[in-house]
Amino acid sequence: MALRARQMRLSAGRLSRHAAGEVMEAEAEQVVLLDDVRTVFRGADALHLPDIITRLALLRPALYGSLNPRTLGGQLRQAGVEVASVYVAGKPPEQASAKGVKRSALEVSTTEVIGDIDQVDDGPERDNVVELDGRRQV
């Protein structure tokens, strides 16, 4: 009976990702999530987690349709994105401040923290590296 119910949910598109048997490397999954979050920001300086989820669900319903703020926040933190209380202009005062992400946090998440700049290897790949405030972006 459980197998039949699972098959019905799979056929109806109610199961996705791991539950549907799809396997994706954790790193690749984070890259897809971060790229999609950057896409749904559409020029906003900050967004609340529920607003990000709504936009993600419109972008890829099968992938993000069942996402909740707690799960999204955890996935973003795991990817190196700071999730904090953010102010979103244009919302009623009682709703303007809530857990969310600033655009700048998404940009920082693409960098790798390194040691002192003097300790960086000056190998041939050095030409593709930009260093900012102790961070390296390739």
N, C-alpha and C. Protein backbone atom coordinates (compact mmCIF):
# COMPACT_ATOMS: atom_id res chain seq x y z
N MET A 1 0.82 -1.19 0.00
CA MET A 1 0.00 0.00 0.00
C MET A 1 0.88 1.26 0.00
N ALA A 2 1.93 1.27 0.82
CA ALA A 2 2.81 2.44 0.86
C ALA A 2 3.53 2.63 -0.47
N LEU A 3 3.90 1.53 -1.12
CA LEU A 3 4.56 1.61 -2.42
C LEU A 3 3.64 2.21 -3.48
N ARG A 4 2.38 1.81 -3.45
CA ARG A 4 1.40 2.36 -4.39
C ARG A 4 1.19 3.86 -4.14
N ALA A 5 1.10 4.25 -2.88
CA ALA A 5 0.92 5.67 -2.54
C ALA A 5 2.12 6.49 -2.99
N ARG A 6 3.32 5.94 -2.82
CA ARG A 6 4.52 6.64 -3.26
C ARG A 6 4.50 6.82 -4.77
N GLN A 7 4.12 5.76 -5.50
CA GLN A 7 4.05 5.83 -6.96
C GLN A 7 3.03 6.87 -7.42
N MET A 8 1.91 6.96 -6.71
CA MET A 8 0.89 7.95 -7.06
C MET A 8 1.42 9.37 -6.84
N ARG A 9 2.13 9.59 -5.72
CA ARG A 9 2.70 10.91 -5.45
C ARG A 9 3.78 11.25 -6.49
N LEU A 10 4.57 10.27 -6.87
CA LEU A 10 5.60 10.49 -7.87
C LEU A 10 4.97 10.85 -9.22
N SER A 11 3.94 10.13 -9.61
CA SER A 11 3.23 10.40 -10.88
C SER A 11 2.57 11.76 -10.88
N ALA A 12 2.10 12.19 -9.73
CA ALA A 12 1.41 13.49 -9.62
C ALA A 12 2.40 14.65 -9.48
N GLY A 13 3.70 14.33 -9.42
CA GLY A 13 4.70 15.39 -9.27
C GLY A 13 4.82 15.90 -7.85
N ARG A 14 4.37 15.13 -6.90
CA ARG A 14 4.42 15.54 -5.49
C ARG A 14 5.74 15.17 -4.83
N LEU A 15 6.53 14.34 -5.47
CA LEU A 15 7.84 13.98 -4.95
C LEU A 15 8.90 14.57 -5.88
N SER A 16 9.95 15.09 -5.29
CA SER A 16 11.04 15.62 -6.09
C SER A 16 12.36 15.35 -5.39
N ARG A 17 13.42 15.61 -6.09
CA ARG A 17 14.78 15.49 -5.59
C ARG A 17 15.04 14.11 -5.03
N HIS A 18 15.57 14.03 -3.83
CA HIS A 18 15.97 12.75 -3.24
C HIS A 18 14.79 11.81 -3.07
N ALA A 19 13.65 12.33 -2.66
CA ALA A 19 12.47 11.49 -2.45
C ALA A 19 12.02 10.82 -3.74
N ALA A 20 12.29 11.45 -4.87
CA ALA A 20 11.90 10.88 -6.15
C ALA A 20 12.99 10.00 -6.73
N GLY A 21 14.08 9.84 -5.99
CA GLY A 21 15.17 9.00 -6.45
C GLY A 21 16.23 9.76 -7.22
N GLU A 22 16.10 11.08 -7.29
CA GLU A 22 17.11 11.88 -7.97
C GLU A 22 18.30 12.06 -7.05
N VAL A 23 19.48 11.88 -7.57
CA VAL A 23 20.68 12.03 -6.77
C VAL A 23 21.47 13.21 -7.32
N MET A 24 21.84 14.12 -6.45
CA MET A 24 22.61 15.27 -6.87
C MET A 24 23.69 15.49 -5.82
N GLU A 25 24.88 15.73 -6.26
CA GLU A 25 25.96 16.02 -5.35
C GLU A 25 25.59 17.23 -4.49
N ALA A 26 25.96 17.20 -3.21
CA ALA A 26 25.62 18.30 -2.30
C ALA A 26 26.14 19.63 -2.82
N GLU A 27 27.35 19.62 -3.34
CA GLU A 27 27.95 20.85 -3.84
C GLU A 27 27.16 21.39 -5.04
N ALA A 28 26.81 20.52 -5.96
CA ALA A 28 26.05 20.93 -7.13
C ALA A 28 24.67 21.44 -6.73
N GLU A 29 24.09 20.80 -5.71
CA GLU A 29 22.78 21.23 -5.21
C GLU A 29 22.86 22.64 -4.64
N GLN A 30 23.94 22.95 -3.90
CA GLN A 30 24.11 24.28 -3.35
C GLN A 30 24.29 25.31 -4.46
N VAL A 31 25.03 24.95 -5.50
CA VAL A 31 25.25 25.88 -6.62
C VAL A 31 23.93 26.19 -7.30
N VAL A 32 23.11 25.17 -7.53
CA VAL A 32 21.80 25.37 -8.17
C VAL A 32 20.94 26.28 -7.29
N LEU A 33 20.90 25.99 -5.99
CA LEU A 33 20.10 26.81 -5.06
C LEU A 33 20.57 28.25 -5.08
N LEU A 34 21.87 28.48 -4.95
CA LEU A 34 22.38 29.85 -4.92
C LEU A 34 22.12 30.57 -6.24
N ASP A 35 22.31 29.89 -7.34
CA ASP A 35 22.01 30.51 -8.65
C ASP A 35 20.54 30.88 -8.75
N ASP A 36 19.68 29.98 -8.30
CA ASP A 36 18.24 30.26 -8.36
C ASP A 36 17.85 31.39 -7.41
N VAL A 37 18.43 31.45 -6.23
CA VAL A 37 18.13 32.53 -5.30
C VAL A 37 18.59 33.86 -5.89
N ARG A 38 19.78 33.87 -6.48
CA ARG A 38 20.25 35.11 -7.12
C ARG A 38 19.29 35.53 -8.24
N THR A 39 18.78 34.57 -8.99
CA THR A 39 17.84 34.86 -10.08
C THR A 39 16.56 35.49 -9.55
N VAL A 40 16.01 34.96 -8.47
CA VAL A 40 14.72 35.46 -7.98
C VAL A 40 14.84 36.78 -7.23
N PHE A 41 16.04 37.21 -6.90
CA PHE A 41 16.20 38.50 -6.22
C PHE A 41 15.78 39.65 -7.14
N ARG A 42 15.97 39.54 -8.43
CA ARG A 42 15.57 40.54 -9.42
C ARG A 42 15.77 41.99 -8.96
N GLY A 43 16.96 42.32 -8.55
CA GLY A 43 17.27 43.70 -8.20
C GLY A 43 16.95 44.10 -6.77
N ALA A 44 16.33 43.23 -5.98
CA ALA A 44 16.02 43.57 -4.59
C ALA A 44 17.31 43.59 -3.77
N ASP A 45 17.37 44.48 -2.79
CA ASP A 45 18.53 44.52 -1.89
C ASP A 45 18.43 43.47 -0.80
N ALA A 46 17.20 43.11 -0.42
CA ALA A 46 16.98 42.10 0.63
C ALA A 46 15.61 41.47 0.40
N LEU A 47 15.49 40.21 0.78
CA LEU A 47 14.20 39.50 0.71
C LEU A 47 14.03 38.63 1.95
N HIS A 48 12.79 38.52 2.40
CA HIS A 48 12.47 37.61 3.50
C HIS A 48 12.41 36.18 2.97
N LEU A 49 12.70 35.22 3.84
CA LEU A 49 12.71 33.82 3.42
C LEU A 49 11.41 33.37 2.75
N PRO A 50 10.23 33.70 3.31
CA PRO A 50 8.99 33.28 2.63
C PRO A 50 8.85 33.87 1.22
N ASP A 51 9.32 35.09 1.02
CA ASP A 51 9.26 35.70 -0.31
C ASP A 51 10.21 35.01 -1.28
N ILE A 52 11.38 34.61 -0.79
CA ILE A 52 12.32 33.87 -1.63
C ILE A 52 11.69 32.54 -2.04
N ILE A 53 11.05 31.86 -1.08
CA ILE A 53 10.42 30.58 -1.36
C ILE A 53 9.32 30.72 -2.40
N THR A 54 8.50 31.75 -2.27
CA THR A 54 7.42 31.98 -3.24
C THR A 54 8.00 32.16 -4.64
N ARG A 55 9.06 32.95 -4.75
CA ARG A 55 9.67 33.19 -6.05
C ARG A 55 10.36 31.94 -6.59
N LEU A 56 11.02 31.19 -5.70
CA LEU A 56 11.66 29.94 -6.14
C LEU A 56 10.62 28.94 -6.64
N ALA A 57 9.48 28.86 -5.94
CA ALA A 57 8.42 27.93 -6.34
C ALA A 57 7.84 28.30 -7.70
N LEU A 58 7.80 29.59 -8.02
CA LEU A 58 7.35 30.00 -9.35
C LEU A 58 8.38 29.65 -10.42
N LEU A 59 9.66 29.73 -10.03
CA LEU A 59 10.74 29.42 -10.96
C LEU A 59 10.82 27.93 -11.27
N ARG A 60 10.78 27.10 -10.22
CA ARG A 60 10.89 25.64 -10.37
C ARG A 60 9.96 24.96 -9.38
N PRO A 61 8.70 24.85 -9.71
CA PRO A 61 7.70 24.31 -8.76
C PRO A 61 8.05 22.91 -8.24
N ALA A 62 8.51 22.03 -9.11
CA ALA A 62 8.80 20.66 -8.68
C ALA A 62 9.96 20.61 -7.69
N LEU A 63 10.88 21.51 -7.82
CA LEU A 63 12.07 21.52 -6.97
C LEU A 63 11.84 22.25 -5.66
N TYR A 64 11.11 23.36 -5.70
CA TYR A 64 10.99 24.21 -4.52
C TYR A 64 9.57 24.32 -3.96
N GLY A 65 8.61 23.64 -4.54
CA GLY A 65 7.22 23.77 -4.13
C GLY A 65 6.93 23.42 -2.68
N SER A 66 7.71 22.51 -2.11
CA SER A 66 7.45 22.08 -0.73
C SER A 66 8.44 22.68 0.27
N LEU A 67 9.23 23.63 -0.16
CA LEU A 67 10.23 24.26 0.71
C LEU A 67 9.57 25.12 1.78
N ASN A 68 10.16 25.16 2.98
CA ASN A 68 9.67 26.04 4.04
C ASN A 68 10.82 26.93 4.51
N PRO A 69 10.50 28.04 5.23
CA PRO A 69 11.55 28.98 5.63
C PRO A 69 12.67 28.36 6.46
N ARG A 70 12.34 27.46 7.34
CA ARG A 70 13.38 26.84 8.18
C ARG A 70 14.35 26.02 7.33
N THR A 71 13.82 25.24 6.40
CA THR A 71 14.66 24.43 5.53
C THR A 71 15.51 25.30 4.62
N LEU A 72 14.90 26.31 4.00
CA LEU A 72 15.65 27.20 3.13
C LEU A 72 16.75 27.91 3.90
N GLY A 73 16.43 28.41 5.09
CA GLY A 73 17.44 29.08 5.91
C GLY A 73 18.62 28.16 6.20
N GLY A 74 18.34 26.91 6.54
CA GLY A 74 19.40 25.95 6.81
C GLY A 74 20.25 25.66 5.59
N GLN A 75 19.61 25.52 4.43
CA GLN A 75 20.34 25.25 3.20
C GLN A 75 21.23 26.44 2.82
N LEU A 76 20.71 27.65 3.00
CA LEU A 76 21.50 28.83 2.69
C LEU A 76 22.68 28.97 3.64
N ARG A 77 22.45 28.74 4.93
CA ARG A 77 23.55 28.80 5.90
C ARG A 77 24.63 27.78 5.56
N GLN A 78 24.21 26.57 5.20
CA GLN A 78 25.15 25.51 4.85
C GLN A 78 25.98 25.91 3.63
N ALA A 79 25.40 26.69 2.73
CA ALA A 79 26.11 27.16 1.54
C ALA A 79 26.97 28.39 1.83
N GLY A 80 26.95 28.88 3.07
CA GLY A 80 27.78 30.02 3.44
C GLY A 80 27.09 31.36 3.36
N VAL A 81 25.77 31.37 3.19
CA VAL A 81 25.02 32.63 3.10
C VAL A 81 24.51 33.00 4.49
N GLU A 82 24.72 34.24 4.88
CA GLU A 82 24.22 34.72 6.16
C GLU A 82 22.71 34.95 6.08
N VAL A 83 21.99 34.29 6.97
CA VAL A 83 20.54 34.49 7.10
C VAL A 83 20.34 35.26 8.39
N ALA A 84 19.70 36.41 8.29
CA ALA A 84 19.54 37.28 9.46
C ALA A 84 18.23 38.06 9.33
N SER A 85 17.93 38.83 10.34
CA SER A 85 16.77 39.70 10.28
C SER A 85 17.09 40.83 9.31
N VAL A 86 16.26 40.97 8.28
CA VAL A 86 16.49 42.00 7.27
C VAL A 86 15.25 42.87 7.13
N TYR A 87 15.46 44.11 6.75
CA TYR A 87 14.37 45.06 6.53
C TYR A 87 14.09 45.12 5.03
N VAL A 88 12.83 44.98 4.67
CA VAL A 88 12.42 45.08 3.27
C VAL A 88 11.49 46.27 3.13
N ALA A 89 11.96 47.27 2.43
CA ALA A 89 11.17 48.49 2.23
C ALA A 89 9.92 48.17 1.41
N GLY A 90 8.87 48.93 1.66
CA GLY A 90 7.64 48.76 0.91
C GLY A 90 6.64 47.82 1.56
N LYS A 91 7.04 47.16 2.62
CA LYS A 91 6.10 46.29 3.34
C LYS A 91 5.53 47.07 4.53
N PRO A 92 4.36 46.66 5.02
CA PRO A 92 3.81 47.32 6.21
C PRO A 92 4.83 47.23 7.36
N PRO A 93 4.88 48.25 8.22
CA PRO A 93 5.89 48.29 9.28
C PRO A 93 5.98 47.01 10.12
N GLU A 94 4.84 46.39 10.40
CA GLU A 94 4.86 45.18 11.24
C GLU A 94 5.39 43.96 10.48
N GLN A 95 5.54 44.06 9.16
CA GLN A 95 6.04 42.94 8.35
C GLN A 95 7.38 43.25 7.69
N ALA A 96 7.89 44.45 7.88
CA ALA A 96 9.08 44.89 7.14
C ALA A 96 10.36 44.21 7.60
N SER A 97 10.41 43.76 8.85
CA SER A 97 11.63 43.13 9.37
C SER A 97 11.34 41.68 9.73
N ALA A 98 12.09 40.77 9.11
CA ALA A 98 11.94 39.34 9.36
C ALA A 98 13.19 38.63 8.88
N LYS A 99 13.28 37.33 9.14
CA LYS A 99 14.43 36.55 8.70
C LYS A 99 14.49 36.54 7.18
N GLY A 100 15.69 36.79 6.67
CA GLY A 100 15.86 36.82 5.23
C GLY A 100 17.32 36.90 4.85
N VAL A 101 17.56 37.38 3.64
CA VAL A 101 18.91 37.43 3.08
C VAL A 101 19.11 38.77 2.38
N LYS A 102 20.29 39.32 2.55
CA LYS A 102 20.67 40.51 1.79
C LYS A 102 21.40 40.07 0.53
N ARG A 103 21.25 40.83 -0.53
CA ARG A 103 21.92 40.51 -1.79
C ARG A 103 23.43 40.38 -1.58
N SER A 104 24.00 41.24 -0.77
CA SER A 104 25.45 41.20 -0.53
C SER A 104 25.88 39.87 0.08
N ALA A 105 25.02 39.24 0.85
CA ALA A 105 25.35 37.94 1.45
C ALA A 105 25.46 36.87 0.36
N LEU A 106 24.68 36.99 -0.69
CA LEU A 106 24.75 36.04 -1.80
C LEU A 106 26.05 36.22 -2.58
N GLU A 107 26.50 37.44 -2.71
CA GLU A 107 27.74 37.70 -3.41
C GLU A 107 28.93 37.18 -2.63
N VAL A 108 28.93 37.35 -1.32
CA VAL A 108 30.02 36.87 -0.48
C VAL A 108 30.08 35.36 -0.50
N SER A 109 28.93 34.70 -0.63
CA SER A 109 28.92 33.24 -0.58
C SER A 109 29.64 32.61 -1.77
N THR A 110 29.99 33.39 -2.79
CA THR A 110 30.72 32.84 -3.92
C THR A 110 32.22 32.92 -3.71
N THR A 111 32.65 33.44 -2.57
CA THR A 111 34.08 33.58 -2.31
C THR A 111 34.53 32.55 -1.30
N GLU A 112 35.82 32.37 -1.24
CA GLU A 112 36.43 31.42 -0.34
C GLU A 112 37.32 32.19 0.63
N VAL A 113 37.15 31.98 1.93
CA VAL A 113 37.98 32.67 2.90
C VAL A 113 39.38 32.08 2.85
N ILE A 114 40.37 32.95 2.80
CA ILE A 114 41.75 32.49 2.78
C ILE A 114 42.52 33.21 3.87
N GLY A 115 43.75 32.82 4.04
CA GLY A 115 44.60 33.46 5.04
C GLY A 115 45.10 34.80 4.57
N ASP A 116 46.16 35.25 5.17
CA ASP A 116 46.78 36.51 4.82
C ASP A 116 47.16 36.50 3.33
N ILE A 117 46.99 37.61 2.66
CA ILE A 117 47.27 37.71 1.23
C ILE A 117 48.71 37.32 0.93
N ASP A 118 49.65 37.61 1.85
CA ASP A 118 51.04 37.26 1.63
C ASP A 118 51.25 35.75 1.57
N GLN A 119 50.31 34.98 2.11
CA GLN A 119 50.44 33.53 2.14
C GLN A 119 49.85 32.87 0.90
N VAL A 120 49.25 33.62 0.01
CA VAL A 120 48.61 33.06 -1.17
C VAL A 120 49.67 32.61 -2.16
N ASP A 121 49.50 31.42 -2.72
CA ASP A 121 50.41 30.88 -3.71
C ASP A 121 50.31 31.72 -4.98
N ASP A 122 51.42 32.11 -5.55
CA ASP A 122 51.44 32.91 -6.76
C ASP A 122 51.62 32.03 -8.00
N GLY A 123 50.96 30.89 -8.04
CA GLY A 123 51.06 29.96 -9.16
C GLY A 123 50.41 30.51 -10.40
N PRO A 124 50.40 29.72 -11.49
CA PRO A 124 49.85 30.19 -12.77
C PRO A 124 48.37 30.52 -12.72
N GLU A 125 47.61 29.88 -11.81
CA GLU A 125 46.19 30.17 -11.73
C GLU A 125 45.93 31.51 -11.05
N ARG A 126 46.95 32.15 -10.57
CA ARG A 126 46.86 33.42 -9.87
C ARG A 126 46.21 34.50 -10.75
N ASP A 127 46.36 34.40 -12.07
CA ASP A 127 45.80 35.40 -12.97
C ASP A 127 44.28 35.44 -12.93
N ASN A 128 43.64 34.36 -12.49
CA ASN A 128 42.18 34.27 -12.46
C ASN A 128 41.61 34.57 -11.08
N VAL A 129 42.43 35.06 -10.17
CA VAL A 129 42.00 35.26 -8.79
C VAL A 129 41.92 36.75 -8.48
N VAL A 130 40.83 37.14 -7.83
CA VAL A 130 40.67 38.52 -7.36
C VAL A 130 40.60 38.45 -5.85
N GLU A 131 41.41 39.23 -5.16
CA GLU A 131 41.43 39.21 -3.71
C GLU A 131 40.81 40.48 -3.16
N LEU A 132 39.89 40.30 -2.22
CA LEU A 132 39.21 41.43 -1.58
C LEU A 132 39.11 41.15 -0.09
N ASP A 133 39.65 42.01 0.75
CA ASP A 133 39.51 41.90 2.19
C ASP A 133 39.74 40.49 2.73
N GLY A 134 40.83 39.86 2.33
CA GLY A 134 41.14 38.53 2.85
C GLY A 134 40.30 37.42 2.24
N ARG A 135 39.60 37.69 1.16
CA ARG A 135 38.80 36.67 0.47
C ARG A 135 39.30 36.54 -0.95
N ARG A 136 39.18 35.36 -1.48
CA ARG A 136 39.64 35.12 -2.85
C ARG A 136 38.45 34.68 -3.68
N GLN A 137 38.28 35.30 -4.83
CA GLN A 137 37.21 34.91 -5.74
C GLN A 137 37.86 34.53 -7.06
N VAL A 138 37.56 33.32 -7.52
CA VAL A 138 38.15 32.83 -8.77
C VAL A 138 37.19 33.07 -9.90
